[in-house]
């Protein structure tokens, strides 16, 4: 079950997640209702503190940096985002992804067609 939850975590959540923090968040629903808001805010403060310390370090965190993902494109980003969407938003993202993929395919076919014209000197 933990692997499924981890799969639904964003890359940022995976970087800031700590076992102790996840255990605290899992225990909140079982705690006294009067204490739940305090524990929830405390857990979010710990996440914020971890995030600030993570971004204070001199390291490249960009998913789109050439060093980490030279072939990354907007479709990759939309596919990652779509994993977390549900309902209408998921359908909209899926439609957008399909549209981008269709345009890429059309552009690739157009480039192939133009290359064959250049190489032979004739239109096919």
PDB file of N, CA and C in Angstrom:
ATOM      1  N   UNK A   1       0.821  -1.196   0.000  1.00  0.00           N
ATOM      2  CA  UNK A   1       0.000   0.000   0.000  1.00  0.00           C
ATOM      3  C   UNK A   1       0.861   1.254   0.000  1.00  0.00           C
ATOM      4  N   UNK A   2       2.005   1.223   0.682  1.00  0.00           N
ATOM      5  CA  UNK A   2       2.884   2.389   0.736  1.00  0.00           C
ATOM      6  C   UNK A   2       3.394   2.734  -0.650  1.00  0.00           C
ATOM      7  N   UNK A   3       3.666   1.715  -1.500  1.00  0.00           N
ATOM      8  CA  UNK A   3       4.160   1.972  -2.838  1.00  0.00           C
ATOM      9  C   UNK A   3       3.133   2.729  -3.666  1.00  0.00           C
ATOM     10  N   UNK A   4       1.837   2.426  -3.507  1.00  0.00           N
ATOM     11  CA  UNK A   4       0.797   3.151  -4.226  1.00  0.00           C
ATOM     12  C   UNK A   4       0.756   4.599  -3.779  1.00  0.00           C
ATOM     13  N   UNK A   5       0.868   4.840  -2.471  1.00  0.00           N
ATOM     14  CA  UNK A   5       0.862   6.206  -1.957  1.00  0.00           C
ATOM     15  C   UNK A   5       2.072   6.966  -2.472  1.00  0.00           C
ATOM     16  N   UNK A   6       3.221   6.300  -2.508  1.00  0.00           N
ATOM     17  CA  UNK A   6       4.437   6.948  -2.961  1.00  0.00           C
ATOM     18  C   UNK A   6       4.320   7.324  -4.436  1.00  0.00           C
ATOM     19  N   UNK A   7       3.634   6.473  -5.202  1.00  0.00           N
ATOM     20  CA  UNK A   7       3.452   6.758  -6.617  1.00  0.00           C
ATOM     21  C   UNK A   7       2.626   8.022  -6.818  1.00  0.00           C
ATOM     22  N   UNK A   8       1.698   8.307  -5.923  1.00  0.00           N
ATOM     23  CA  UNK A   8       0.859   9.489  -6.024  1.00  0.00           C
ATOM     24  C   UNK A   8       1.546  10.737  -5.485  1.00  0.00           C
ATOM     25  N   UNK A   9       2.748  10.595  -4.968  1.00  0.00           N
ATOM     26  CA  UNK A   9       3.477  11.747  -4.449  1.00  0.00           C
ATOM     27  C   UNK A   9       4.200  12.442  -5.586  1.00  0.00           C
ATOM     28  N   UNK A  10       4.185  13.773  -5.571  1.00  0.00           N
ATOM     29  CA  UNK A  10       4.934  14.537  -6.562  1.00  0.00           C
ATOM     30  C   UNK A  10       6.422  14.384  -6.279  1.00  0.00           C
ATOM     31  N   UNK A  11       7.273  14.695  -7.262  1.00  0.00           N
ATOM     32  CA  UNK A  11       8.715  14.635  -7.002  1.00  0.00           C
ATOM     33  C   UNK A  11       9.125  15.516  -5.817  1.00  0.00           C
ATOM     34  N   UNK A  12       8.502  16.680  -5.673  1.00  0.00           N
ATOM     35  CA  UNK A  12       8.825  17.543  -4.529  1.00  0.00           C
ATOM     36  C   UNK A  12       8.437  16.863  -3.224  1.00  0.00           C
ATOM     37  N   UNK A  13       7.239  16.279  -3.176  1.00  0.00           N
ATOM     38  CA  UNK A  13       6.813  15.571  -1.959  1.00  0.00           C
ATOM     39  C   UNK A  13       7.767  14.425  -1.626  1.00  0.00           C
ATOM     40  N   UNK A  14       8.233  13.728  -2.648  1.00  0.00           N
ATOM     41  CA  UNK A  14       9.165  12.629  -2.406  1.00  0.00           C
ATOM     42  C   UNK A  14      10.484  13.135  -1.837  1.00  0.00           C
ATOM     43  N   UNK A  15      10.914  14.329  -2.276  1.00  0.00           N
ATOM     44  CA  UNK A  15      12.174  14.875  -1.775  1.00  0.00           C
ATOM     45  C   UNK A  15      12.051  15.351  -0.334  1.00  0.00           C
ATOM     46  N   UNK A  16      10.880  15.857   0.057  1.00  0.00           N
ATOM     47  CA  UNK A  16      10.753  16.393   1.412  1.00  0.00           C
ATOM     48  C   UNK A  16      10.167  15.389   2.393  1.00  0.00           C
ATOM     49  N   UNK A  17       9.629  14.290   1.870  1.00  0.00           N
ATOM     50  CA  UNK A  17       8.993  13.303   2.749  1.00  0.00           C
ATOM     51  C   UNK A  17      10.026  12.618   3.635  1.00  0.00           C
ATOM     52  N   UNK A  18       9.667  12.467   4.888  1.00  0.00           N
ATOM     53  CA  UNK A  18      10.478  11.718   5.839  1.00  0.00           C
ATOM     54  C   UNK A  18       9.546  10.729   6.515  1.00  0.00           C
ATOM     55  N   UNK A  19      10.084   9.587   6.900  1.00  0.00           N
ATOM     56  CA  UNK A  19       9.241   8.573   7.530  1.00  0.00           C
ATOM     57  C   UNK A  19       8.506   9.115   8.749  1.00  0.00           C
ATOM     58  N   UNK A  20       9.225   9.879   9.596  1.00  0.00           N
ATOM     59  CA  UNK A  20       8.604  10.388  10.816  1.00  0.00           C
ATOM     60  C   UNK A  20       7.435  11.323  10.479  1.00  0.00           C
ATOM     61  N   UNK A  21       7.618  12.144   9.468  1.00  0.00           N
ATOM     62  CA  UNK A  21       6.561  13.080   9.069  1.00  0.00           C
ATOM     63  C   UNK A  21       5.360  12.322   8.510  1.00  0.00           C
ATOM     64  N   UNK A  22       5.604  11.330   7.685  1.00  0.00           N
ATOM     65  CA  UNK A  22       4.510  10.539   7.126  1.00  0.00           C
ATOM     66  C   UNK A  22       3.768   9.785   8.230  1.00  0.00           C
ATOM     67  N   UNK A  23       4.513   9.285   9.210  1.00  0.00           N
ATOM     68  CA  UNK A  23       3.881   8.579  10.323  1.00  0.00           C
ATOM     69  C   UNK A  23       3.020   9.538  11.146  1.00  0.00           C
ATOM     70  N   UNK A  24       3.510  10.756  11.364  1.00  0.00           N
ATOM     71  CA  UNK A  24       2.729  11.752  12.089  1.00  0.00           C
ATOM     72  C   UNK A  24       1.436  12.053  11.348  1.00  0.00           C
ATOM     73  N   UNK A  25       1.525  12.255  10.047  1.00  0.00           N
ATOM     74  CA  UNK A  25       0.334  12.566   9.261  1.00  0.00           C
ATOM     75  C   UNK A  25      -0.645  11.396   9.248  1.00  0.00           C
ATOM     76  N   UNK A  26      -0.127  10.169   9.242  1.00  0.00           N
ATOM     77  CA  UNK A  26      -0.998   8.990   9.267  1.00  0.00           C
ATOM     78  C   UNK A  26      -1.709   8.846  10.606  1.00  0.00           C
ATOM     79  N   UNK A  27      -1.087   9.335  11.676  1.00  0.00           N
ATOM     80  CA  UNK A  27      -1.666   9.198  13.021  1.00  0.00           C
ATOM     81  C   UNK A  27      -2.706  10.280  13.329  1.00  0.00           C
ATOM     82  N   UNK A  28      -2.709  11.364  12.591  1.00  0.00           N
ATOM     83  CA  UNK A  28      -3.604  12.485  12.901  1.00  0.00           C
ATOM     84  C   UNK A  28      -5.078  12.079  12.973  1.00  0.00           C
ATOM     85  N   UNK A  29      -5.609  11.312  12.035  1.00  0.00           N
ATOM     86  CA  UNK A  29      -7.034  10.947  12.129  1.00  0.00           C
ATOM     87  C   UNK A  29      -7.396  10.139  13.379  1.00  0.00           C
ATOM     88  N   UNK A  30      -6.404   9.514  13.999  1.00  0.00           N
ATOM     89  CA  UNK A  30      -6.651   8.679  15.175  1.00  0.00           C
ATOM     90  C   UNK A  30      -6.447   9.438  16.484  1.00  0.00           C
ATOM     91  N   UNK A  31      -6.003  10.662  16.370  1.00  0.00           N
ATOM     92  CA  UNK A  31      -5.756  11.435  17.590  1.00  0.00           C
ATOM     93  C   UNK A  31      -7.031  12.136  18.043  1.00  0.00           C
ATOM     94  N   UNK A  32      -6.962  12.720  19.225  1.00  0.00           N
ATOM     95  CA  UNK A  32      -8.082  13.458  19.797  1.00  0.00           C
ATOM     96  C   UNK A  32      -8.498  14.571  18.826  1.00  0.00           C
ATOM     97  N   UNK A  33      -9.796  14.697  18.530  1.00  0.00           N
ATOM     98  CA  UNK A  33     -10.250  15.730  17.591  1.00  0.00           C
ATOM     99  C   UNK A  33      -9.793  17.151  17.946  1.00  0.00           C
ATOM    100  N   UNK A  34      -9.613  17.426  19.232  1.00  0.00           N
ATOM    101  CA  UNK A  34      -9.149  18.760  19.632  1.00  0.00           C
ATOM    102  C   UNK A  34      -7.679  18.973  19.278  1.00  0.00           C
ATOM    103  N   UNK A  35      -6.917  17.883  19.164  1.00  0.00           N
ATOM    104  CA  UNK A  35      -5.485  17.965  18.892  1.00  0.00           C
ATOM    105  C   UNK A  35      -5.198  17.884  17.385  1.00  0.00           C
ATOM    106  N   UNK A  36      -6.140  17.363  16.624  1.00  0.00           N
ATOM    107  CA  UNK A  36      -5.916  17.174  15.192  1.00  0.00           C
ATOM    108  C   UNK A  36      -5.498  18.451  14.454  1.00  0.00           C
ATOM    109  N   UNK A  37      -6.166  19.592  14.687  1.00  0.00           N
ATOM    110  CA  UNK A  37      -5.732  20.811  13.978  1.00  0.00           C
ATOM    111  C   UNK A  37      -4.294  21.204  14.316  1.00  0.00           C
ATOM    112  N   UNK A  38      -3.924  21.073  15.571  1.00  0.00           N
ATOM    113  CA  UNK A  38      -2.565  21.434  15.997  1.00  0.00           C
ATOM    114  C   UNK A  38      -1.545  20.508  15.333  1.00  0.00           C
ATOM    115  N   UNK A  39      -1.830  19.206  15.334  1.00  0.00           N
ATOM    116  CA  UNK A  39      -0.921  18.250  14.705  1.00  0.00           C
ATOM    117  C   UNK A  39      -0.822  18.478  13.192  1.00  0.00           C
ATOM    118  N   UNK A  40      -1.936  18.816  12.580  1.00  0.00           N
ATOM    119  CA  UNK A  40      -1.940  19.072  11.138  1.00  0.00           C
ATOM    120  C   UNK A  40      -1.074  20.276  10.791  1.00  0.00           C
ATOM    121  N   UNK A  41      -1.229  21.353  11.536  1.00  0.00           N
ATOM    122  CA  UNK A  41      -0.422  22.548  11.307  1.00  0.00           C
ATOM    123  C   UNK A  41       1.047  22.248  11.594  1.00  0.00           C
ATOM    124  N   UNK A  42       1.305  21.495  12.647  1.00  0.00           N
ATOM    125  CA  UNK A  42       2.682  21.118  12.990  1.00  0.00           C
ATOM    126  C   UNK A  42       3.314  20.319  11.843  1.00  0.00           C
ATOM    127  N   UNK A  43       2.565  19.363  11.280  1.00  0.00           N
ATOM    128  CA  UNK A  43       3.078  18.555  10.172  1.00  0.00           C
ATOM    129  C   UNK A  43       3.383  19.436   8.961  1.00  0.00           C
ATOM    130  N   UNK A  44       2.503  20.376   8.666  1.00  0.00           N
ATOM    131  CA  UNK A  44       2.734  21.276   7.532  1.00  0.00           C
ATOM    132  C   UNK A  44       3.924  22.203   7.797  1.00  0.00           C
ATOM    133  N   UNK A  45       4.101  22.621   9.014  1.00  0.00           N
ATOM    134  CA  UNK A  45       5.271  23.446   9.363  1.00  0.00           C
ATOM    135  C   UNK A  45       6.555  22.659   9.169  1.00  0.00           C
ATOM    136  N   UNK A  46       6.538  21.395   9.557  1.00  0.00           N
ATOM    137  CA  UNK A  46       7.713  20.551   9.349  1.00  0.00           C
ATOM    138  C   UNK A  46       8.003  20.383   7.854  1.00  0.00           C
ATOM    139  N   UNK A  47       6.953  20.217   7.052  1.00  0.00           N
ATOM    140  CA  UNK A  47       7.133  20.114   5.607  1.00  0.00           C
ATOM    141  C   UNK A  47       7.720  21.411   5.042  1.00  0.00           C
ATOM    142  N   UNK A  48       7.209  22.536   5.503  1.00  0.00           N
ATOM    143  CA  UNK A  48       7.721  23.824   5.042  1.00  0.00           C
ATOM    144  C   UNK A  48       9.186  23.990   5.421  1.00  0.00           C
ATOM    145  N   UNK A  49       9.505  23.642   6.650  1.00  0.00           N
ATOM    146  CA  UNK A  49      10.896  23.736   7.108  1.00  0.00           C
ATOM    147  C   UNK A  49      11.807  22.861   6.244  1.00  0.00           C
ATOM    148  N   UNK A  50      11.370  21.658   5.957  1.00  0.00           N
ATOM    149  CA  UNK A  50      12.166  20.732   5.123  1.00  0.00           C
ATOM    150  C   UNK A  50      12.307  21.282   3.705  1.00  0.00           C
ATOM    151  N   UNK A  51      11.246  21.868   3.168  1.00  0.00           N
ATOM    152  CA  UNK A  51      11.286  22.443   1.826  1.00  0.00           C
ATOM    153  C   UNK A  51      12.262  23.607   1.763  1.00  0.00           C
ATOM    154  N   UNK A  52      12.204  24.485   2.743  1.00  0.00           N
ATOM    155  CA  UNK A  52      13.118  25.633   2.783  1.00  0.00           C
ATOM    156  C   UNK A  52      14.559  25.150   2.873  1.00  0.00           C
ATOM    157  N   UNK A  53      14.814  24.175   3.720  1.00  0.00           N
ATOM    158  CA  UNK A  53      16.187  23.693   3.854  1.00  0.00           C
ATOM    159  C   UNK A  53      16.640  23.002   2.564  1.00  0.00           C
ATOM    160  N   UNK A  54      15.756  22.318   1.885  1.00  0.00           N
ATOM    161  CA  UNK A  54      16.097  21.647   0.639  1.00  0.00           C
ATOM    162  C   UNK A  54      16.488  22.664  -0.429  1.00  0.00           C
ATOM    163  N   UNK A  55      15.723  23.734  -0.551  1.00  0.00           N
ATOM    164  CA  UNK A  55      16.002  24.734  -1.574  1.00  0.00           C
ATOM    165  C   UNK A  55      17.110  25.702  -1.163  1.00  0.00           C
ATOM    166  N   UNK A  56      17.544  25.637   0.071  1.00  0.00           N
ATOM    167  CA  UNK A  56      18.672  26.459   0.522  1.00  0.00           C
ATOM    168  C   UNK A  56      19.993  25.868   0.076  1.00  0.00           C
ATOM    169  N   UNK A  57      19.981  24.585  -0.245  1.00  0.00           N
ATOM    170  CA  UNK A  57      21.203  23.907  -0.672  1.00  0.00           C
ATOM    171  C   UNK A  57      21.501  24.269  -2.124  1.00  0.00           C
ATOM    172  N   UNK A  58      22.768  24.420  -2.463  1.00  0.00           N
ATOM    173  CA  UNK A  58      23.119  24.762  -3.843  1.00  0.00           C
ATOM    174  C   UNK A  58      23.059  23.546  -4.764  1.00  0.00           C
ATOM    175  N   UNK A  59      21.851  23.187  -5.173  1.00  0.00           N
ATOM    176  CA  UNK A  59      21.717  22.082  -6.103  1.00  0.00           C
ATOM    177  C   UNK A  59      20.631  22.398  -7.109  1.00  0.00           C
ATOM    178  N   UNK A  60      20.731  21.811  -8.258  1.00  0.00           N
ATOM    179  CA  UNK A  60      19.776  22.040  -9.331  1.00  0.00           C
ATOM    180  C   UNK A  60      18.578  21.123  -9.131  1.00  0.00           C
ATOM    181  N   UNK A  61      17.386  21.695  -8.965  1.00  0.00           N
ATOM    182  CA  UNK A  61      16.189  20.898  -8.741  1.00  0.00           C
ATOM    183  C   UNK A  61      15.248  20.922  -9.938  1.00  0.00           C
ATOM    184  N   UNK A  62      15.596  21.639 -10.968  1.00  0.00           N
ATOM    185  CA  UNK A  62      14.710  21.779 -12.110  1.00  0.00           C
ATOM    186  C   UNK A  62      14.572  20.465 -12.868  1.00  0.00           C
ATOM    187  N   UNK A  63      13.337  20.043 -13.077  1.00  0.00           N
ATOM    188  CA  UNK A  63      13.079  18.838 -13.857  1.00  0.00           C
ATOM    189  C   UNK A  63      13.398  19.066 -15.331  1.00  0.00           C
ATOM    190  N   UNK A  64      13.362  20.309 -15.769  1.00  0.00           N
ATOM    191  CA  UNK A  64      13.557  20.608 -17.171  1.00  0.00           C
ATOM    192  C   UNK A  64      14.998  20.997 -17.490  1.00  0.00           C
ATOM    193  N   UNK A  65      15.902  20.907 -16.539  1.00  0.00           N
ATOM    194  CA  UNK A  65      17.283  21.291 -16.817  1.00  0.00           C
ATOM    195  C   UNK A  65      17.885  20.322 -17.829  1.00  0.00           C
ATOM    196  N   UNK A  66      18.777  20.821 -18.654  1.00  0.00           N
ATOM    197  CA  UNK A  66      19.398  19.985 -19.680  1.00  0.00           C
ATOM    198  C   UNK A  66      20.194  18.847 -19.063  1.00  0.00           C
ATOM    199  N   UNK A  67      20.756  19.073 -17.878  1.00  0.00           N
ATOM    200  CA  UNK A  67      21.564  18.039 -17.234  1.00  0.00           C
ATOM    201  C   UNK A  67      20.725  16.848 -16.805  1.00  0.00           C
ATOM    202  N   UNK A  68      19.515  17.107 -16.310  1.00  0.00           N
ATOM    203  CA  UNK A  68      18.693  16.032 -15.763  1.00  0.00           C
ATOM    204  C   UNK A  68      17.812  15.353 -16.804  1.00  0.00           C
ATOM    205  N   UNK A  69      17.191  16.137 -17.672  1.00  0.00           N
ATOM    206  CA  UNK A  69      16.239  15.594 -18.635  1.00  0.00           C
ATOM    207  C   UNK A  69      16.389  16.292 -19.981  1.00  0.00           C
ATOM    208  N   UNK A  70      17.394  15.895 -20.772  1.00  0.00           N
ATOM    209  CA  UNK A  70      17.621  16.598 -22.032  1.00  0.00           C
ATOM    210  C   UNK A  70      16.466  16.441 -23.018  1.00  0.00           C
ATOM    211  N   UNK A  71      15.679  15.366 -22.908  1.00  0.00           N
ATOM    212  CA  UNK A  71      14.588  15.127 -23.848  1.00  0.00           C
ATOM    213  C   UNK A  71      13.221  15.514 -23.289  1.00  0.00           C
ATOM    214  N   UNK A  72      13.177  16.172 -22.137  1.00  0.00           N
ATOM    215  CA  UNK A  72      11.898  16.532 -21.526  1.00  0.00           C
ATOM    216  C   UNK A  72      11.159  17.525 -22.417  1.00  0.00           C
ATOM    217  N   UNK A  73       9.841  17.388 -22.437  1.00  0.00           N
ATOM    218  CA  UNK A  73       9.024  18.284 -23.236  1.00  0.00           C
ATOM    219  C   UNK A  73       7.707  18.555 -22.513  1.00  0.00           C
ATOM    220  N   UNK A  74       6.889  19.460 -23.034  1.00  0.00           N
ATOM    221  CA  UNK A  74       5.625  19.784 -22.355  1.00  0.00           C
ATOM    222  C   UNK A  74       4.706  18.575 -22.166  1.00  0.00           C
ATOM    223  N   UNK A  75       4.758  17.622 -23.072  1.00  0.00           N
ATOM    224  CA  UNK A  75       3.898  16.435 -22.932  1.00  0.00           C
ATOM    225  C   UNK A  75       4.317  15.629 -21.708  1.00  0.00           C
ATOM    226  N   UNK A  76       5.630  15.522 -21.456  1.00  0.00           N
ATOM    227  CA  UNK A  76       6.097  14.828 -20.251  1.00  0.00           C
ATOM    228  C   UNK A  76       5.549  15.511 -18.998  1.00  0.00           C
ATOM    229  N   UNK A  77       5.617  16.851 -18.992  1.00  0.00           N
ATOM    230  CA  UNK A  77       5.118  17.597 -17.846  1.00  0.00           C
ATOM    231  C   UNK A  77       3.615  17.374 -17.667  1.00  0.00           C
ATOM    232  N   UNK A  78       2.857  17.443 -18.760  1.00  0.00           N
ATOM    233  CA  UNK A  78       1.408  17.248 -18.663  1.00  0.00           C
ATOM    234  C   UNK A  78       1.065  15.837 -18.206  1.00  0.00           C
ATOM    235  N   UNK A  79       1.814  14.840 -18.673  1.00  0.00           N
ATOM    236  CA  UNK A  79       1.576  13.462 -18.216  1.00  0.00           C
ATOM    237  C   UNK A  79       1.826  13.326 -16.719  1.00  0.00           C
ATOM    238  N   UNK A  80       2.894  13.970 -16.223  1.00  0.00           N
ATOM    239  CA  UNK A  80       3.169  13.925 -14.785  1.00  0.00           C
ATOM    240  C   UNK A  80       2.062  14.611 -13.994  1.00  0.00           C
ATOM    241  N   UNK A  81       1.622  15.768 -14.472  1.00  0.00           N
ATOM    242  CA  UNK A  81       0.553  16.498 -13.786  1.00  0.00           C
ATOM    243  C   UNK A  81      -0.748  15.694 -13.813  1.00  0.00           C
ATOM    244  N   UNK A  82      -1.048  15.055 -14.939  1.00  0.00           N
ATOM    245  CA  UNK A  82      -2.305  14.318 -15.101  1.00  0.00           C
ATOM    246  C   UNK A  82      -2.432  13.159 -14.116  1.00  0.00           C
ATOM    247  N   UNK A  83      -1.306  12.630 -13.642  1.00  0.00           N
ATOM    248  CA  UNK A  83      -1.369  11.534 -12.657  1.00  0.00           C
ATOM    249  C   UNK A  83      -2.099  11.955 -11.388  1.00  0.00           C
ATOM    250  N   UNK A  84      -2.104  13.257 -11.098  1.00  0.00           N
ATOM    251  CA  UNK A  84      -2.697  13.754  -9.861  1.00  0.00           C
ATOM    252  C   UNK A  84      -4.081  14.351 -10.069  1.00  0.00           C
ATOM    253  N   UNK A  85      -4.539  14.384 -11.296  1.00  0.00           N
ATOM    254  CA  UNK A  85      -5.840  14.984 -11.606  1.00  0.00           C
ATOM    255  C   UNK A  85      -6.937  13.924 -11.573  1.00  0.00           C
ATOM    256  N   UNK A  86      -8.146  14.388 -11.355  1.00  0.00           N
ATOM    257  CA  UNK A  86      -9.304  13.505 -11.386  1.00  0.00           C
ATOM    258  C   UNK A  86     -10.442  14.224 -12.116  1.00  0.00           C
ATOM    259  N   UNK A  87     -11.449  13.458 -12.500  1.00  0.00           N
ATOM    260  CA  UNK A  87     -12.663  14.033 -13.068  1.00  0.00           C
ATOM    261  C   UNK A  87     -12.427  14.845 -14.331  1.00  0.00           C
ATOM    262  N   UNK A  88     -13.088  16.005 -14.387  1.00  0.00           N
ATOM    263  CA  UNK A  88     -13.014  16.870 -15.562  1.00  0.00           C
ATOM    264  C   UNK A  88     -11.598  17.350 -15.839  1.00  0.00           C
ATOM    265  N   UNK A  89     -10.857  17.647 -14.788  1.00  0.00           N
ATOM    266  CA  UNK A  89      -9.476  18.111 -14.989  1.00  0.00           C
ATOM    267  C   UNK A  89      -8.639  17.040 -15.669  1.00  0.00           C
ATOM    268  N   UNK A  90      -8.816  15.796 -15.257  1.00  0.00           N
ATOM    269  CA  UNK A  90      -8.080  14.679 -15.869  1.00  0.00           C
ATOM    270  C   UNK A  90      -8.463  14.555 -17.337  1.00  0.00           C
ATOM    271  N   UNK A  91      -9.754  14.640 -17.637  1.00  0.00           N
ATOM    272  CA  UNK A  91     -10.208  14.555 -19.022  1.00  0.00           C
ATOM    273  C   UNK A  91      -9.641  15.695 -19.863  1.00  0.00           C
ATOM    274  N   UNK A  92      -9.628  16.897 -19.297  1.00  0.00           N
ATOM    275  CA  UNK A  92      -9.084  18.057 -20.013  1.00  0.00           C
ATOM    276  C   UNK A  92      -7.602  17.869 -20.290  1.00  0.00           C
ATOM    277  N   UNK A  93      -6.862  17.424 -19.290  1.00  0.00           N
ATOM    278  CA  UNK A  93      -5.426  17.191 -19.485  1.00  0.00           C
ATOM    279  C   UNK A  93      -5.178  16.088 -20.509  1.00  0.00           C
ATOM    280  N   UNK A  94      -5.964  15.015 -20.453  1.00  0.00           N
ATOM    281  CA  UNK A  94      -5.811  13.934 -21.420  1.00  0.00           C
ATOM    282  C   UNK A  94      -6.073  14.429 -22.843  1.00  0.00           C
ATOM    283  N   UNK A  95      -7.094  15.267 -23.004  1.00  0.00           N
ATOM    284  CA  UNK A  95      -7.396  15.840 -24.317  1.00  0.00           C
ATOM    285  C   UNK A  95      -6.257  16.735 -24.792  1.00  0.00           C
ATOM    286  N   UNK A  96      -5.731  17.545 -23.893  1.00  0.00           N
ATOM    287  CA  UNK A  96      -4.617  18.428 -24.229  1.00  0.00           C
ATOM    288  C   UNK A  96      -3.382  17.618 -24.636  1.00  0.00           C
ATOM    289  N   UNK A  97      -3.103  16.554 -23.909  1.00  0.00           N
ATOM    290  CA  UNK A  97      -1.967  15.684 -24.233  1.00  0.00           C
ATOM    291  C   UNK A  97      -2.155  15.065 -25.612  1.00  0.00           C
ATOM    292  N   UNK A  98      -3.355  14.560 -25.876  1.00  0.00           N
ATOM    293  CA  UNK A  98      -3.621  13.958 -27.191  1.00  0.00           C
ATOM    294  C   UNK A  98      -3.476  14.981 -28.311  1.00  0.00           C
ATOM    295  N   UNK A  99      -3.910  16.212 -28.052  1.00  0.00           N
ATOM    296  CA  UNK A  99      -3.786  17.275 -29.048  1.00  0.00           C
ATOM    297  C   UNK A  99      -2.325  17.578 -29.334  1.00  0.00           C
ATOM    298  N   UNK A 100      -1.523  17.733 -28.274  1.00  0.00           N
ATOM    299  CA  UNK A 100      -0.088  17.983 -28.452  1.00  0.00           C
ATOM    300  C   UNK A 100       0.573  16.844 -29.226  1.00  0.00           C
ATOM    301  N   UNK A 101       0.227  15.606 -28.867  1.00  0.00           N
ATOM    302  CA  UNK A 101       0.821  14.457 -29.548  1.00  0.00           C
ATOM    303  C   UNK A 101       0.442  14.435 -31.025  1.00  0.00           C
ATOM    304  N   UNK A 102      -0.805  14.807 -31.333  1.00  0.00           N
ATOM    305  CA  UNK A 102      -1.256  14.867 -32.725  1.00  0.00           C
ATOM    306  C   UNK A 102      -0.472  15.917 -33.499  1.00  0.00           C
ATOM    307  N   UNK A 103      -0.276  17.103 -32.886  1.00  0.00           N
ATOM    308  CA  UNK A 103       0.503  18.147 -33.538  1.00  0.00           C
ATOM    309  C   UNK A 103       1.945  17.708 -33.759  1.00  0.00           C
ATOM    310  N   UNK A 104       2.525  17.027 -32.786  1.00  0.00           N
ATOM    311  CA  UNK A 104       3.899  16.547 -32.947  1.00  0.00           C
ATOM    312  C   UNK A 104       3.994  15.543 -34.089  1.00  0.00           C
ATOM    313  N   UNK A 105       3.014  14.660 -34.179  1.00  0.00           N
ATOM    314  CA  UNK A 105       2.997  13.664 -35.247  1.00  0.00           C
ATOM    315  C   UNK A 105       2.854  14.346 -36.607  1.00  0.00           C
ATOM    316  N   UNK A 106       1.949  15.325 -36.685  1.00  0.00           N
ATOM    317  CA  UNK A 106       1.756  16.052 -37.939  1.00  0.00           C
ATOM    318  C   UNK A 106       3.030  16.799 -38.334  1.00  0.00           C
ATOM    319  N   UNK A 107       3.690  17.419 -37.365  1.00  0.00           N
ATOM    320  CA  UNK A 107       4.923  18.152 -37.636  1.00  0.00           C
ATOM    321  C   UNK A 107       6.016  17.188 -38.107  1.00  0.00           C
ATOM    322  N   UNK A 108       6.113  16.034 -37.446  1.00  0.00           N
ATOM    323  CA  UNK A 108       7.119  15.046 -37.846  1.00  0.00           C
ATOM    324  C   UNK A 108       6.853  14.548 -39.264  1.00  0.00           C
ATOM    325  N   UNK A 109       5.597  14.310 -39.603  1.00  0.00           N
ATOM    326  CA  UNK A 109       5.260  13.865 -40.960  1.00  0.00           C
ATOM    327  C   UNK A 109       5.588  14.960 -41.968  1.00  0.00           C
ATOM    328  N   UNK A 110       5.323  16.206 -41.609  1.00  0.00           N
ATOM    329  CA  UNK A 110       5.637  17.335 -42.486  1.00  0.00           C
ATOM    330  C   UNK A 110       7.131  17.473 -42.698  1.00  0.00           C
ATOM    331  N   UNK A 111       7.907  17.276 -41.649  1.00  0.00           N
ATOM    332  CA  UNK A 111       9.365  17.357 -41.758  1.00  0.00           C
ATOM    333  C   UNK A 111       9.895  16.223 -42.627  1.00  0.00           C
ATOM    334  N   UNK A 112       9.335  15.017 -42.463  1.00  0.00           N
ATOM    335  CA  UNK A 112       9.748  13.882 -43.286  1.00  0.00           C
ATOM    336  C   UNK A 112       9.432  14.157 -44.755  1.00  0.00           C
ATOM    337  N   UNK A 113       8.261  14.735 -44.996  1.00  0.00           N
ATOM    338  CA  UNK A 113       7.847  15.036 -46.368  1.00  0.00           C
ATOM    339  C   UNK A 113       8.780  16.077 -46.986  1.00  0.00           C
ATOM    340  N   UNK A 114       9.102  17.129 -46.217  1.00  0.00           N
ATOM    341  CA  UNK A 114       9.997  18.177 -46.712  1.00  0.00           C
ATOM    342  C   UNK A 114      11.405  17.634 -46.962  1.00  0.00           C
ATOM    343  N   UNK A 115      11.881  16.749 -46.107  1.00  0.00           N
ATOM    344  CA  UNK A 115      13.208  16.165 -46.287  1.00  0.00           C
ATOM    345  C   UNK A 115      13.270  15.335 -47.562  1.00  0.00           C
ATOM    346  N   UNK A 116      12.192  14.601 -47.865  1.00  0.00           N
ATOM    347  CA  UNK A 116      12.198  13.780 -49.077  1.00  0.00           C
ATOM    348  C   UNK A 116      12.172  14.675 -50.314  1.00  0.00           C
ATOM    349  N   UNK A 117      11.502  15.837 -50.258  1.00  0.00           N
ATOM    350  CA  UNK A 117      11.515  16.780 -51.373  1.00  0.00           C
ATOM    351  C   UNK A 117      12.908  17.313 -51.604  1.00  0.00           C
ATOM    352  N   UNK A 118      13.602  17.667 -50.517  1.00  0.00           N
ATOM    353  CA  UNK A 118      14.943  18.228 -50.620  1.00  0.00           C
ATOM    354  C   UNK A 118      15.915  17.195 -51.156  1.00  0.00           C
ATOM    355  N   UNK A 119      15.831  15.954 -50.664  1.00  0.00           N
ATOM    356  CA  UNK A 119      16.801  14.937 -51.050  1.00  0.00           C
ATOM    357  C   UNK A 119      16.607  14.480 -52.507  1.00  0.00           C
ATOM    358  N   UNK A 120      15.375  14.432 -53.006  1.00  0.00           N
ATOM    359  CA  UNK A 120      15.136  13.965 -54.376  1.00  0.00           C
ATOM    360  C   UNK A 120      15.003  15.117 -55.363  1.00  0.00           C
ATOM    361  N   UNK A 121      14.612  16.268 -54.857  1.00  0.00           N
ATOM    362  CA  UNK A 121      14.393  17.404 -55.754  1.00  0.00           C
ATOM    363  C   UNK A 121      12.998  17.403 -56.353  1.00  0.00           C
ATOM    364  N   UNK A 122      12.207  16.377 -56.018  1.00  0.00           N
ATOM    365  CA  UNK A 122      10.849  16.263 -56.537  1.00  0.00           C
ATOM    366  C   UNK A 122       9.851  16.165 -55.409  1.00  0.00           C
ATOM    367  N   UNK A 123       8.660  16.629 -55.672  1.00  0.00           N
ATOM    368  CA  UNK A 123       7.571  16.421 -54.719  1.00  0.00           C
ATOM    369  C   UNK A 123       7.029  15.026 -54.926  1.00  0.00           C
ATOM    370  N   UNK A 124       6.697  14.372 -53.813  1.00  0.00           N
ATOM    371  CA  UNK A 124       6.152  13.012 -53.920  1.00  0.00           C
ATOM    372  C   UNK A 124       4.663  13.054 -54.094  1.00  0.00           C
TER     373      UNK A 124
END
